[in-house]
């Protein structure tokens, strides 16, 4: 049984996955309340599913990029759980979680999330085999800078404000905005990625695992 947790930005998402069924999933916006809401949400999940934390065989945590504070809170919680019950842990880049939710496509895709100061953390993905694979490291751009990089039909998904969607949408010939319901980071997809890593034995060291911070990401509060 794997517990997955994403606190990358103002959204919290957690899930419980047994390799066959998604036993539990909850996602909600929690600006400035991660510290207050995370532990009760975990307890609520345990109560509703009647799963003892000692039954967990793996943990998956979203690494960012994202909010310095939000990521730190999620990382501290997952590391504490790992050490308390001796559960293996895997870290997954947050933009990979967004990409995982999207149907496969021949076109390239850019996954984004908020990086503060009206800027976006962005990474480009291509389908390799049967999955989206990041092409290079993420960067930080605002919406106007992002559209200047799009020279061919490209899918765009992830956290976008209404103003950013408007700016990107003007580049309609090449920038293909995916609908909002596909753009929410959900821990169920994080759990699927984490489960695959866990089954392959690609574990992370609990003590040294660290979030991914980009130059402007620390401006978001959690």
N, C-alpha and C. Protein backbone atom coordinates (compact mmCIF):
# COMPACT_ATOMS: atom_id res chain seq x y z
N UNK A 1 0.85 -1.19 0.00
CA UNK A 1 0.00 0.00 0.00
C UNK A 1 0.89 1.24 0.00
N UNK A 2 0.64 2.15 -0.92
CA UNK A 2 1.47 3.34 -1.06
C UNK A 2 0.66 4.60 -0.75
N UNK A 3 1.25 5.47 0.04
CA UNK A 3 0.67 6.77 0.33
C UNK A 3 1.41 7.82 -0.49
N UNK A 4 0.66 8.68 -1.21
CA UNK A 4 1.25 9.71 -2.05
C UNK A 4 0.81 11.08 -1.57
N UNK A 5 1.75 12.03 -1.57
CA UNK A 5 1.47 13.37 -1.05
C UNK A 5 2.09 14.43 -1.95
N UNK A 6 1.29 15.44 -2.31
CA UNK A 6 1.75 16.57 -3.12
C UNK A 6 1.33 17.86 -2.44
N UNK A 7 2.31 18.64 -2.01
CA UNK A 7 2.05 19.96 -1.42
C UNK A 7 2.86 21.02 -2.17
N UNK A 8 3.03 20.85 -3.46
CA UNK A 8 3.95 21.70 -4.22
C UNK A 8 3.58 23.18 -4.21
N UNK A 9 2.28 23.47 -4.27
CA UNK A 9 1.85 24.87 -4.34
C UNK A 9 0.74 25.09 -3.32
N UNK A 10 -0.23 25.94 -3.64
CA UNK A 10 -1.33 26.19 -2.70
C UNK A 10 -2.31 25.03 -2.65
N UNK A 11 -2.13 24.04 -3.50
CA UNK A 11 -3.00 22.86 -3.53
C UNK A 11 -2.35 21.72 -2.77
N UNK A 12 -3.15 20.98 -2.02
CA UNK A 12 -2.72 19.75 -1.36
C UNK A 12 -3.45 18.59 -2.02
N UNK A 13 -2.74 17.51 -2.27
CA UNK A 13 -3.39 16.31 -2.78
C UNK A 13 -2.75 15.10 -2.14
N UNK A 14 -3.57 14.16 -1.71
CA UNK A 14 -3.04 12.92 -1.14
C UNK A 14 -3.86 11.75 -1.65
N UNK A 15 -3.21 10.58 -1.68
CA UNK A 15 -3.85 9.40 -2.24
C UNK A 15 -3.30 8.15 -1.58
N UNK A 16 -4.09 7.09 -1.66
CA UNK A 16 -3.70 5.77 -1.16
C UNK A 16 -3.92 4.78 -2.29
N UNK A 17 -2.89 4.03 -2.64
CA UNK A 17 -2.91 3.17 -3.83
C UNK A 17 -2.36 1.80 -3.45
N UNK A 18 -3.08 0.73 -3.85
CA UNK A 18 -2.62 -0.62 -3.52
C UNK A 18 -2.03 -1.37 -4.71
N UNK A 19 -1.79 -0.65 -5.81
CA UNK A 19 -1.23 -1.28 -7.00
C UNK A 19 -2.28 -1.72 -8.00
N UNK A 20 -3.51 -1.87 -7.52
CA UNK A 20 -4.64 -2.24 -8.38
C UNK A 20 -5.74 -1.19 -8.34
N UNK A 21 -6.03 -0.71 -7.13
CA UNK A 21 -7.09 0.26 -6.95
C UNK A 21 -6.57 1.51 -6.25
N UNK A 22 -7.11 2.65 -6.66
CA UNK A 22 -6.88 3.89 -5.94
C UNK A 22 -7.88 3.90 -4.79
N UNK A 23 -7.39 3.60 -3.60
CA UNK A 23 -8.27 3.40 -2.46
C UNK A 23 -8.81 4.71 -1.90
N UNK A 24 -8.08 5.79 -2.12
CA UNK A 24 -8.49 7.09 -1.57
C UNK A 24 -7.76 8.19 -2.32
N UNK A 25 -8.46 9.31 -2.54
CA UNK A 25 -7.81 10.48 -3.12
C UNK A 25 -8.56 11.72 -2.67
N UNK A 26 -7.83 12.77 -2.32
CA UNK A 26 -8.43 14.05 -1.96
C UNK A 26 -7.51 15.16 -2.45
N UNK A 27 -8.09 16.19 -3.05
CA UNK A 27 -7.33 17.32 -3.58
C UNK A 27 -8.11 18.59 -3.27
N UNK A 28 -7.43 19.58 -2.69
CA UNK A 28 -8.12 20.82 -2.36
C UNK A 28 -7.12 21.97 -2.30
N UNK A 29 -7.65 23.19 -2.47
CA UNK A 29 -6.81 24.38 -2.38
C UNK A 29 -6.71 24.80 -0.92
N UNK A 30 -5.49 25.08 -0.49
CA UNK A 30 -5.26 25.39 0.92
C UNK A 30 -4.22 26.50 1.05
N UNK A 31 -4.52 27.71 0.58
CA UNK A 31 -3.54 28.79 0.69
C UNK A 31 -3.25 29.14 2.15
N UNK A 32 -1.97 29.05 2.51
CA UNK A 32 -1.50 29.44 3.85
C UNK A 32 -1.93 28.51 4.97
N UNK A 33 -2.48 27.31 4.64
CA UNK A 33 -2.98 26.44 5.70
C UNK A 33 -2.41 25.02 5.64
N UNK A 34 -1.33 24.80 4.93
CA UNK A 34 -0.79 23.45 4.81
C UNK A 34 -0.47 22.84 6.17
N UNK A 35 0.18 23.61 7.03
CA UNK A 35 0.57 23.08 8.33
C UNK A 35 -0.64 22.65 9.15
N UNK A 36 -1.71 23.42 9.08
CA UNK A 36 -2.91 23.14 9.87
C UNK A 36 -3.70 21.97 9.30
N UNK A 37 -3.79 21.86 7.98
CA UNK A 37 -4.73 20.94 7.35
C UNK A 37 -4.14 19.57 6.99
N UNK A 38 -2.82 19.47 6.85
CA UNK A 38 -2.24 18.23 6.33
C UNK A 38 -2.42 17.05 7.28
N UNK A 39 -2.02 17.18 8.52
CA UNK A 39 -2.11 16.06 9.46
C UNK A 39 -3.56 15.59 9.66
N UNK A 40 -4.53 16.50 9.86
CA UNK A 40 -5.92 16.04 9.97
C UNK A 40 -6.42 15.33 8.72
N UNK A 41 -5.98 15.79 7.54
CA UNK A 41 -6.39 15.13 6.30
C UNK A 41 -5.85 13.71 6.24
N UNK A 42 -4.60 13.54 6.67
CA UNK A 42 -4.01 12.20 6.70
C UNK A 42 -4.80 11.30 7.67
N UNK A 43 -5.10 11.82 8.85
CA UNK A 43 -5.87 11.04 9.82
C UNK A 43 -7.25 10.69 9.29
N UNK A 44 -7.87 11.62 8.57
CA UNK A 44 -9.19 11.36 7.98
C UNK A 44 -9.10 10.23 6.96
N UNK A 45 -8.03 10.24 6.13
CA UNK A 45 -7.83 9.17 5.15
C UNK A 45 -7.67 7.83 5.84
N UNK A 46 -6.86 7.78 6.91
CA UNK A 46 -6.64 6.54 7.63
C UNK A 46 -7.94 6.02 8.24
N UNK A 47 -8.74 6.93 8.79
CA UNK A 47 -10.00 6.53 9.40
C UNK A 47 -10.98 6.00 8.38
N UNK A 48 -11.10 6.67 7.24
CA UNK A 48 -12.09 6.28 6.23
C UNK A 48 -11.71 4.98 5.54
N UNK A 49 -10.42 4.74 5.35
CA UNK A 49 -9.98 3.53 4.65
C UNK A 49 -9.69 2.37 5.60
N UNK A 50 -9.59 2.68 6.90
CA UNK A 50 -9.27 1.69 7.92
C UNK A 50 -7.92 1.02 7.64
N UNK A 51 -6.99 1.81 7.10
CA UNK A 51 -5.64 1.32 6.84
C UNK A 51 -4.73 1.81 7.97
N UNK A 52 -4.02 0.88 8.57
CA UNK A 52 -3.05 1.23 9.60
C UNK A 52 -1.78 1.74 8.94
N UNK A 53 -1.20 2.85 9.39
CA UNK A 53 0.05 3.33 8.78
C UNK A 53 1.13 2.26 8.70
N UNK A 54 1.11 1.29 9.62
CA UNK A 54 2.10 0.23 9.59
C UNK A 54 1.91 -0.71 8.40
N UNK A 55 0.74 -0.63 7.75
CA UNK A 55 0.48 -1.45 6.56
C UNK A 55 1.08 -0.83 5.29
N UNK A 56 1.49 0.44 5.37
CA UNK A 56 2.05 1.10 4.20
C UNK A 56 3.39 0.47 3.84
N UNK A 57 3.57 0.23 2.54
CA UNK A 57 4.83 -0.36 2.07
C UNK A 57 5.66 0.63 1.27
N UNK A 58 5.12 1.83 1.01
CA UNK A 58 5.86 2.83 0.26
C UNK A 58 5.23 4.20 0.39
N UNK A 59 6.05 5.22 0.18
CA UNK A 59 5.61 6.61 0.22
C UNK A 59 6.11 7.30 -1.04
N UNK A 60 5.28 8.15 -1.63
CA UNK A 60 5.68 8.96 -2.78
C UNK A 60 5.39 10.41 -2.46
N UNK A 61 6.35 11.27 -2.75
CA UNK A 61 6.18 12.69 -2.46
C UNK A 61 6.55 13.51 -3.69
N UNK A 62 5.76 14.55 -3.97
CA UNK A 62 6.07 15.47 -5.08
C UNK A 62 7.22 16.37 -4.64
N UNK A 63 8.25 16.46 -5.47
CA UNK A 63 9.47 17.17 -5.12
C UNK A 63 9.48 18.65 -5.51
N UNK A 64 8.50 19.09 -6.28
CA UNK A 64 8.56 20.44 -6.81
C UNK A 64 9.04 20.40 -8.25
N UNK A 65 9.29 21.56 -8.84
CA UNK A 65 9.38 22.89 -8.23
C UNK A 65 8.03 23.37 -7.68
N UNK A 66 8.12 24.41 -6.88
CA UNK A 66 6.91 24.96 -6.28
C UNK A 66 7.25 25.92 -5.16
N UNK A 67 6.38 25.99 -4.18
CA UNK A 67 6.55 26.89 -3.05
C UNK A 67 7.56 26.35 -2.07
N UNK A 68 8.50 27.18 -1.67
CA UNK A 68 9.50 26.78 -0.67
C UNK A 68 8.81 26.27 0.59
N UNK A 69 7.85 27.05 1.10
CA UNK A 69 7.18 26.70 2.35
C UNK A 69 6.33 25.45 2.19
N UNK A 70 5.53 25.40 1.13
CA UNK A 70 4.63 24.26 0.92
C UNK A 70 5.41 22.97 0.74
N UNK A 71 6.45 23.01 -0.07
CA UNK A 71 7.26 21.82 -0.28
C UNK A 71 7.93 21.37 1.02
N UNK A 72 8.42 22.31 1.79
CA UNK A 72 9.09 21.98 3.05
C UNK A 72 8.13 21.28 4.01
N UNK A 73 6.88 21.76 4.07
CA UNK A 73 5.90 21.15 4.96
C UNK A 73 5.60 19.72 4.53
N UNK A 74 5.37 19.51 3.24
CA UNK A 74 5.08 18.17 2.75
C UNK A 74 6.26 17.23 2.94
N UNK A 75 7.46 17.72 2.66
CA UNK A 75 8.66 16.89 2.79
C UNK A 75 8.88 16.50 4.25
N UNK A 76 8.70 17.43 5.17
CA UNK A 76 8.88 17.11 6.59
C UNK A 76 7.87 16.05 7.04
N UNK A 77 6.62 16.17 6.57
CA UNK A 77 5.59 15.22 6.96
C UNK A 77 5.92 13.82 6.44
N UNK A 78 6.28 13.72 5.17
CA UNK A 78 6.53 12.41 4.56
C UNK A 78 7.79 11.77 5.13
N UNK A 79 8.81 12.59 5.40
CA UNK A 79 10.04 12.05 6.00
C UNK A 79 9.78 11.56 7.42
N UNK A 80 8.98 12.31 8.17
CA UNK A 80 8.65 11.88 9.51
C UNK A 80 7.93 10.55 9.52
N UNK A 81 7.00 10.37 8.57
CA UNK A 81 6.26 9.11 8.46
C UNK A 81 7.20 7.98 8.06
N UNK A 82 8.09 8.26 7.11
CA UNK A 82 9.04 7.25 6.65
C UNK A 82 9.93 6.76 7.79
N UNK A 83 10.43 7.70 8.58
CA UNK A 83 11.34 7.34 9.66
C UNK A 83 10.61 6.67 10.82
N UNK A 84 9.37 7.13 11.09
CA UNK A 84 8.63 6.60 12.23
C UNK A 84 8.22 5.15 12.02
N UNK A 85 7.85 4.80 10.80
CA UNK A 85 7.34 3.45 10.53
C UNK A 85 8.29 2.65 9.63
N UNK A 86 9.44 3.25 9.29
CA UNK A 86 10.45 2.59 8.46
C UNK A 86 9.88 2.18 7.09
N UNK A 87 9.35 3.18 6.37
CA UNK A 87 8.74 2.94 5.06
C UNK A 87 9.63 3.53 3.97
N UNK A 88 9.90 2.78 2.88
CA UNK A 88 10.70 3.34 1.79
C UNK A 88 9.99 4.50 1.11
N UNK A 89 10.79 5.40 0.54
CA UNK A 89 10.26 6.64 -0.02
C UNK A 89 10.81 6.87 -1.42
N UNK A 90 9.97 7.46 -2.28
CA UNK A 90 10.41 7.87 -3.62
C UNK A 90 9.94 9.30 -3.86
N UNK A 91 10.78 10.10 -4.49
CA UNK A 91 10.42 11.47 -4.83
C UNK A 91 10.18 11.60 -6.32
N UNK A 92 9.12 12.32 -6.69
CA UNK A 92 8.72 12.48 -8.08
C UNK A 92 8.61 13.97 -8.39
N UNK A 93 9.25 14.46 -9.47
CA UNK A 93 9.07 15.88 -9.85
C UNK A 93 7.60 16.21 -10.06
N UNK A 94 7.17 17.35 -9.55
CA UNK A 94 5.76 17.72 -9.60
C UNK A 94 5.24 17.88 -11.03
N UNK A 95 6.09 18.38 -11.93
CA UNK A 95 5.64 18.54 -13.31
C UNK A 95 5.42 17.18 -13.98
N UNK A 96 6.11 16.14 -13.53
CA UNK A 96 5.87 14.79 -14.04
C UNK A 96 4.46 14.32 -13.68
N UNK A 97 3.97 14.77 -12.52
CA UNK A 97 2.63 14.38 -12.09
C UNK A 97 1.59 14.99 -13.02
N UNK A 98 1.78 16.25 -13.40
CA UNK A 98 0.87 16.89 -14.35
C UNK A 98 0.90 16.16 -15.68
N UNK A 99 2.10 15.84 -16.15
CA UNK A 99 2.25 15.17 -17.45
C UNK A 99 1.60 13.79 -17.44
N UNK A 100 1.74 13.08 -16.34
CA UNK A 100 1.19 11.72 -16.23
C UNK A 100 -0.31 11.69 -16.48
N UNK A 101 -1.00 12.77 -16.14
CA UNK A 101 -2.46 12.82 -16.25
C UNK A 101 -2.95 13.01 -17.68
N UNK A 102 -2.04 13.31 -18.61
CA UNK A 102 -2.46 13.68 -19.96
C UNK A 102 -2.43 12.48 -20.92
N UNK A 103 -3.41 12.40 -21.82
CA UNK A 103 -3.37 11.35 -22.84
C UNK A 103 -2.12 11.49 -23.71
N UNK A 104 -1.62 10.39 -24.20
CA UNK A 104 -0.45 10.43 -25.06
C UNK A 104 -0.79 11.12 -26.37
N UNK A 105 0.20 11.82 -26.94
CA UNK A 105 -0.02 12.62 -28.14
C UNK A 105 1.29 12.74 -28.90
N UNK A 106 1.18 12.88 -30.22
CA UNK A 106 2.40 13.04 -31.03
C UNK A 106 3.03 14.42 -30.85
N UNK A 107 2.24 15.38 -30.43
CA UNK A 107 2.76 16.74 -30.25
C UNK A 107 3.54 16.85 -28.94
N UNK A 108 4.50 17.78 -28.87
CA UNK A 108 5.16 18.03 -27.60
C UNK A 108 4.19 18.68 -26.63
N UNK A 109 4.52 18.64 -25.35
CA UNK A 109 3.66 19.20 -24.32
C UNK A 109 4.52 19.97 -23.32
N UNK A 110 3.99 21.11 -22.87
CA UNK A 110 4.64 21.88 -21.81
C UNK A 110 3.75 21.81 -20.57
N UNK A 111 4.31 21.31 -19.47
CA UNK A 111 3.61 21.28 -18.19
C UNK A 111 4.08 22.47 -17.36
N UNK A 112 3.15 23.10 -16.66
CA UNK A 112 3.49 24.31 -15.90
C UNK A 112 2.85 24.27 -14.51
N UNK A 113 3.43 25.01 -13.59
CA UNK A 113 2.79 25.31 -12.32
C UNK A 113 3.27 26.68 -11.84
N UNK A 114 2.57 27.26 -10.89
CA UNK A 114 2.89 28.60 -10.42
C UNK A 114 4.28 28.65 -9.79
N UNK A 115 5.03 29.70 -10.11
CA UNK A 115 6.36 29.88 -9.55
C UNK A 115 6.51 31.26 -8.92
N UNK A 116 5.40 31.91 -8.61
CA UNK A 116 5.44 33.21 -7.94
C UNK A 116 5.72 34.36 -8.89
N UNK A 117 5.33 35.58 -8.47
CA UNK A 117 5.56 36.80 -9.25
C UNK A 117 5.01 36.68 -10.68
N UNK A 118 3.87 36.02 -10.82
CA UNK A 118 3.21 35.84 -12.12
C UNK A 118 4.06 35.01 -13.08
N UNK A 119 5.00 34.24 -12.55
CA UNK A 119 5.85 33.41 -13.38
C UNK A 119 5.47 31.95 -13.25
N UNK A 120 5.92 31.15 -14.21
CA UNK A 120 5.56 29.75 -14.30
C UNK A 120 6.81 28.88 -14.34
N UNK A 121 6.77 27.79 -13.59
CA UNK A 121 7.78 26.75 -13.75
C UNK A 121 7.31 25.87 -14.90
N UNK A 122 8.17 25.66 -15.89
CA UNK A 122 7.77 24.99 -17.13
C UNK A 122 8.76 23.88 -17.47
N UNK A 123 8.24 22.79 -18.01
CA UNK A 123 9.09 21.73 -18.55
C UNK A 123 8.42 21.16 -19.79
N UNK A 124 9.24 20.84 -20.80
CA UNK A 124 8.74 20.28 -22.05
C UNK A 124 8.81 18.77 -21.99
N UNK A 125 7.77 18.12 -22.52
CA UNK A 125 7.68 16.66 -22.52
C UNK A 125 7.43 16.15 -23.94
N UNK A 126 7.94 14.96 -24.21
CA UNK A 126 7.65 14.23 -25.43
C UNK A 126 7.26 12.81 -25.03
N UNK A 127 6.43 12.18 -25.85
CA UNK A 127 6.09 10.78 -25.60
C UNK A 127 7.26 9.90 -26.04
N UNK A 128 7.73 9.09 -25.11
CA UNK A 128 8.78 8.11 -25.40
C UNK A 128 8.23 6.76 -24.97
N UNK A 129 8.05 5.86 -25.95
CA UNK A 129 7.41 4.60 -25.64
C UNK A 129 5.96 4.83 -25.31
N UNK A 130 5.58 4.56 -24.08
CA UNK A 130 4.17 4.74 -23.68
C UNK A 130 4.03 5.71 -22.52
N UNK A 131 4.95 6.70 -22.44
CA UNK A 131 4.85 7.67 -21.35
C UNK A 131 5.44 9.01 -21.76
N UNK A 132 4.99 10.05 -21.07
CA UNK A 132 5.57 11.38 -21.25
C UNK A 132 6.91 11.45 -20.52
N UNK A 133 7.93 11.94 -21.21
CA UNK A 133 9.27 12.04 -20.63
C UNK A 133 9.76 13.47 -20.77
N UNK A 134 10.25 14.03 -19.67
CA UNK A 134 10.75 15.41 -19.68
C UNK A 134 11.97 15.53 -20.58
N UNK A 135 12.01 16.62 -21.31
CA UNK A 135 13.13 16.91 -22.20
C UNK A 135 13.95 18.05 -21.60
N UNK A 136 14.92 17.73 -20.78
CA UNK A 136 15.71 18.77 -20.15
C UNK A 136 15.15 19.20 -18.81
N UNK A 137 15.78 20.19 -18.20
CA UNK A 137 15.42 20.67 -16.89
C UNK A 137 14.31 21.73 -16.98
N UNK A 138 13.54 21.90 -15.91
CA UNK A 138 12.51 22.94 -15.91
C UNK A 138 13.11 24.35 -15.88
N UNK A 139 12.35 25.30 -16.36
CA UNK A 139 12.78 26.70 -16.36
C UNK A 139 11.65 27.55 -15.80
N UNK A 140 11.94 28.83 -15.54
CA UNK A 140 10.95 29.75 -15.02
C UNK A 140 10.74 30.87 -16.04
N UNK A 141 9.49 31.04 -16.48
CA UNK A 141 9.13 32.04 -17.48
C UNK A 141 7.79 32.65 -17.11
N UNK A 142 7.52 33.87 -17.57
CA UNK A 142 6.15 34.33 -17.46
C UNK A 142 5.40 33.91 -18.72
N UNK A 143 4.09 34.14 -18.74
CA UNK A 143 3.27 33.63 -19.84
C UNK A 143 3.69 34.22 -21.18
N UNK A 144 4.06 35.50 -21.21
CA UNK A 144 4.47 36.12 -22.46
C UNK A 144 5.79 35.55 -22.96
N UNK A 145 6.69 35.27 -22.03
CA UNK A 145 7.96 34.65 -22.43
C UNK A 145 7.74 33.23 -22.91
N UNK A 146 6.82 32.53 -22.27
CA UNK A 146 6.54 31.15 -22.65
C UNK A 146 6.03 31.05 -24.07
N UNK A 147 5.07 31.91 -24.45
CA UNK A 147 4.49 31.78 -25.78
C UNK A 147 5.52 32.07 -26.88
N UNK A 148 6.54 32.86 -26.56
CA UNK A 148 7.58 33.14 -27.54
C UNK A 148 8.42 31.91 -27.86
N UNK A 149 8.40 30.92 -26.97
CA UNK A 149 9.18 29.69 -27.20
C UNK A 149 8.42 28.67 -28.02
N UNK A 150 7.13 28.91 -28.26
CA UNK A 150 6.28 27.91 -28.92
C UNK A 150 6.22 28.20 -30.42
N UNK A 151 6.87 27.37 -31.19
CA UNK A 151 6.96 27.58 -32.64
C UNK A 151 6.25 26.52 -33.45
N UNK A 152 5.71 25.51 -32.79
CA UNK A 152 4.98 24.43 -33.46
C UNK A 152 3.83 24.01 -32.56
N UNK A 153 2.81 23.33 -33.08
CA UNK A 153 1.69 22.91 -32.24
C UNK A 153 2.16 22.18 -30.99
N UNK A 154 1.78 22.73 -29.84
CA UNK A 154 2.25 22.23 -28.55
C UNK A 154 1.12 22.24 -27.55
N UNK A 155 0.97 21.18 -26.80
CA UNK A 155 -0.03 21.12 -25.74
C UNK A 155 0.49 21.86 -24.51
N UNK A 156 -0.40 22.54 -23.80
CA UNK A 156 -0.05 23.26 -22.58
C UNK A 156 -0.98 22.79 -21.48
N UNK A 157 -0.41 22.35 -20.35
CA UNK A 157 -1.26 21.88 -19.25
C UNK A 157 -0.65 22.28 -17.92
N UNK A 158 -1.50 22.36 -16.90
CA UNK A 158 -1.02 22.67 -15.56
C UNK A 158 -1.70 23.89 -14.97
N UNK A 159 -1.14 24.37 -13.86
CA UNK A 159 -1.72 25.50 -13.14
C UNK A 159 -1.52 26.79 -13.91
N UNK A 160 -2.61 27.37 -14.36
CA UNK A 160 -2.56 28.63 -15.10
C UNK A 160 -3.67 29.55 -14.59
N UNK A 161 -3.31 30.77 -14.30
CA UNK A 161 -4.32 31.76 -13.93
C UNK A 161 -5.14 32.11 -15.16
N UNK A 162 -6.26 32.80 -14.95
CA UNK A 162 -7.10 33.19 -16.09
C UNK A 162 -6.35 34.12 -17.02
N UNK A 163 -5.52 35.02 -16.46
CA UNK A 163 -4.76 35.93 -17.32
C UNK A 163 -3.71 35.18 -18.12
N UNK A 164 -3.04 34.19 -17.51
CA UNK A 164 -2.05 33.41 -18.24
C UNK A 164 -2.71 32.58 -19.34
N UNK A 165 -3.89 32.02 -19.05
CA UNK A 165 -4.60 31.26 -20.08
C UNK A 165 -4.99 32.17 -21.24
N UNK A 166 -5.37 33.42 -20.95
CA UNK A 166 -5.72 34.36 -22.01
C UNK A 166 -4.50 34.67 -22.87
N UNK A 167 -3.37 34.95 -22.23
CA UNK A 167 -2.15 35.28 -22.98
C UNK A 167 -1.72 34.11 -23.85
N UNK A 168 -1.70 32.92 -23.28
CA UNK A 168 -1.28 31.74 -24.04
C UNK A 168 -2.30 31.41 -25.12
N UNK A 169 -3.59 31.58 -24.80
CA UNK A 169 -4.64 31.26 -25.75
C UNK A 169 -4.59 32.09 -27.02
N UNK A 170 -4.01 33.30 -26.93
CA UNK A 170 -3.88 34.14 -28.13
C UNK A 170 -2.95 33.51 -29.16
N UNK A 171 -2.12 32.60 -28.70
CA UNK A 171 -1.21 31.90 -29.61
C UNK A 171 -1.89 30.61 -30.07
N UNK A 172 -3.17 30.71 -30.39
CA UNK A 172 -4.00 29.54 -30.58
C UNK A 172 -3.55 28.62 -31.70
N UNK A 173 -2.83 29.13 -32.70
CA UNK A 173 -2.40 28.28 -33.81
C UNK A 173 -1.41 27.22 -33.34
N UNK A 174 -0.60 27.54 -32.34
CA UNK A 174 0.41 26.59 -31.87
C UNK A 174 0.21 26.15 -30.43
N UNK A 175 -0.27 27.03 -29.56
CA UNK A 175 -0.44 26.69 -28.15
C UNK A 175 -1.83 26.09 -27.94
N UNK A 176 -1.91 24.82 -27.66
CA UNK A 176 -3.19 24.13 -27.48
C UNK A 176 -3.42 23.91 -25.99
N UNK A 177 -4.19 24.80 -25.37
CA UNK A 177 -4.45 24.72 -23.94
C UNK A 177 -5.36 23.54 -23.62
N UNK A 178 -4.93 22.70 -22.71
CA UNK A 178 -5.78 21.61 -22.25
C UNK A 178 -6.79 22.15 -21.24
N UNK A 179 -7.97 21.55 -21.14
CA UNK A 179 -9.03 22.09 -20.28
C UNK A 179 -8.64 22.01 -18.81
N UNK A 180 -9.22 22.89 -17.98
CA UNK A 180 -8.85 22.96 -16.57
C UNK A 180 -8.96 21.64 -15.82
N UNK A 181 -9.95 20.81 -16.18
CA UNK A 181 -10.12 19.55 -15.44
C UNK A 181 -8.95 18.58 -15.63
N UNK A 182 -8.15 18.80 -16.68
CA UNK A 182 -6.97 17.97 -16.88
C UNK A 182 -5.72 18.60 -16.27
N UNK A 183 -5.86 19.79 -15.74
CA UNK A 183 -4.68 20.56 -15.34
C UNK A 183 -4.42 20.55 -13.84
N UNK A 184 -5.29 19.93 -13.06
CA UNK A 184 -5.11 19.87 -11.61
C UNK A 184 -4.19 18.72 -11.26
N UNK A 185 -3.16 19.01 -10.45
CA UNK A 185 -2.28 17.93 -10.00
C UNK A 185 -3.03 17.06 -9.01
N UNK A 186 -3.09 15.76 -9.30
CA UNK A 186 -3.80 14.82 -8.44
C UNK A 186 -2.83 13.75 -7.95
N UNK A 187 -2.91 13.47 -6.66
CA UNK A 187 -1.99 12.51 -6.06
C UNK A 187 -2.19 11.09 -6.56
N UNK A 188 -3.33 10.82 -7.18
CA UNK A 188 -3.52 9.49 -7.78
C UNK A 188 -2.49 9.21 -8.86
N UNK A 189 -2.18 10.23 -9.65
CA UNK A 189 -1.15 10.07 -10.69
C UNK A 189 0.24 10.01 -10.06
N UNK A 190 0.46 10.78 -9.02
CA UNK A 190 1.72 10.70 -8.28
C UNK A 190 1.89 9.29 -7.72
N UNK A 191 0.81 8.71 -7.20
CA UNK A 191 0.87 7.37 -6.65
C UNK A 191 1.25 6.34 -7.71
N UNK A 192 0.69 6.49 -8.91
CA UNK A 192 1.02 5.56 -9.99
C UNK A 192 2.50 5.64 -10.36
N UNK A 193 3.03 6.85 -10.44
CA UNK A 193 4.45 7.03 -10.73
C UNK A 193 5.31 6.47 -9.61
N UNK A 194 4.90 6.76 -8.38
CA UNK A 194 5.66 6.27 -7.23
C UNK A 194 5.63 4.76 -7.12
N UNK A 195 4.49 4.16 -7.42
CA UNK A 195 4.37 2.70 -7.36
C UNK A 195 5.32 2.03 -8.34
N UNK A 196 5.39 2.59 -9.55
CA UNK A 196 6.30 2.02 -10.56
C UNK A 196 7.75 2.11 -10.09
N UNK A 197 8.11 3.25 -9.51
CA UNK A 197 9.47 3.41 -8.97
C UNK A 197 9.73 2.41 -7.84
N UNK A 198 8.75 2.26 -6.97
CA UNK A 198 8.88 1.36 -5.83
C UNK A 198 9.06 -0.08 -6.30
N UNK A 199 8.25 -0.50 -7.28
CA UNK A 199 8.35 -1.87 -7.76
C UNK A 199 9.67 -2.13 -8.47
N UNK A 200 10.23 -1.09 -9.07
CA UNK A 200 11.52 -1.24 -9.75
C UNK A 200 12.69 -1.16 -8.78
N UNK A 201 12.41 -0.86 -7.53
CA UNK A 201 13.46 -0.76 -6.54
C UNK A 201 14.27 0.51 -6.60
N UNK A 202 13.73 1.54 -7.26
CA UNK A 202 14.43 2.82 -7.38
C UNK A 202 14.01 3.74 -6.23
N UNK A 203 14.57 3.49 -5.07
CA UNK A 203 14.18 4.21 -3.86
C UNK A 203 15.11 5.38 -3.62
N UNK A 204 14.63 6.34 -2.85
CA UNK A 204 15.44 7.48 -2.45
C UNK A 204 15.84 7.35 -0.99
N UNK A 205 16.93 8.00 -0.64
CA UNK A 205 17.37 8.03 0.74
C UNK A 205 16.54 9.06 1.50
N UNK A 206 15.90 8.61 2.55
CA UNK A 206 14.99 9.49 3.29
C UNK A 206 15.70 10.73 3.82
N UNK A 207 16.88 10.54 4.35
CA UNK A 207 17.58 11.66 4.97
C UNK A 207 18.02 12.72 3.97
N UNK A 208 18.47 12.28 2.79
CA UNK A 208 19.05 13.23 1.83
C UNK A 208 18.06 13.74 0.79
N UNK A 209 16.87 13.15 0.70
CA UNK A 209 15.90 13.58 -0.30
C UNK A 209 15.54 15.04 -0.09
N UNK A 210 15.58 15.84 -1.15
CA UNK A 210 15.35 17.29 -1.03
C UNK A 210 14.42 17.77 -2.14
N UNK A 211 13.66 18.83 -1.87
CA UNK A 211 12.78 19.40 -2.90
C UNK A 211 13.58 20.02 -4.04
N UNK A 212 12.88 20.22 -5.16
CA UNK A 212 13.43 20.94 -6.30
C UNK A 212 12.99 22.39 -6.19
N UNK A 213 13.94 23.28 -6.01
CA UNK A 213 13.64 24.71 -5.94
C UNK A 213 14.20 25.40 -7.17
N UNK A 214 13.40 26.27 -7.80
CA UNK A 214 13.88 27.11 -8.87
C UNK A 214 14.07 28.52 -8.34
N UNK A 215 14.71 29.38 -9.11
CA UNK A 215 15.16 30.68 -8.61
C UNK A 215 14.06 31.55 -8.05
N UNK A 216 12.84 31.50 -8.62
CA UNK A 216 11.77 32.37 -8.12
C UNK A 216 10.69 31.59 -7.40
N UNK A 217 10.85 30.29 -7.27
CA UNK A 217 9.77 29.47 -6.70
C UNK A 217 9.52 29.76 -5.23
N UNK A 218 10.52 30.29 -4.53
CA UNK A 218 10.37 30.47 -3.10
C UNK A 218 9.45 31.63 -2.74
N UNK A 219 8.92 32.33 -3.73
CA UNK A 219 8.06 33.48 -3.44
C UNK A 219 6.62 33.07 -3.16
N UNK A 220 6.27 31.81 -3.39
CA UNK A 220 4.90 31.38 -3.14
C UNK A 220 4.76 30.98 -1.67
N UNK A 221 3.70 31.35 -1.02
CA UNK A 221 3.47 30.94 0.35
C UNK A 221 2.60 29.70 0.37
N UNK A 222 2.77 28.89 1.40
CA UNK A 222 1.97 27.68 1.50
C UNK A 222 1.25 27.60 2.83
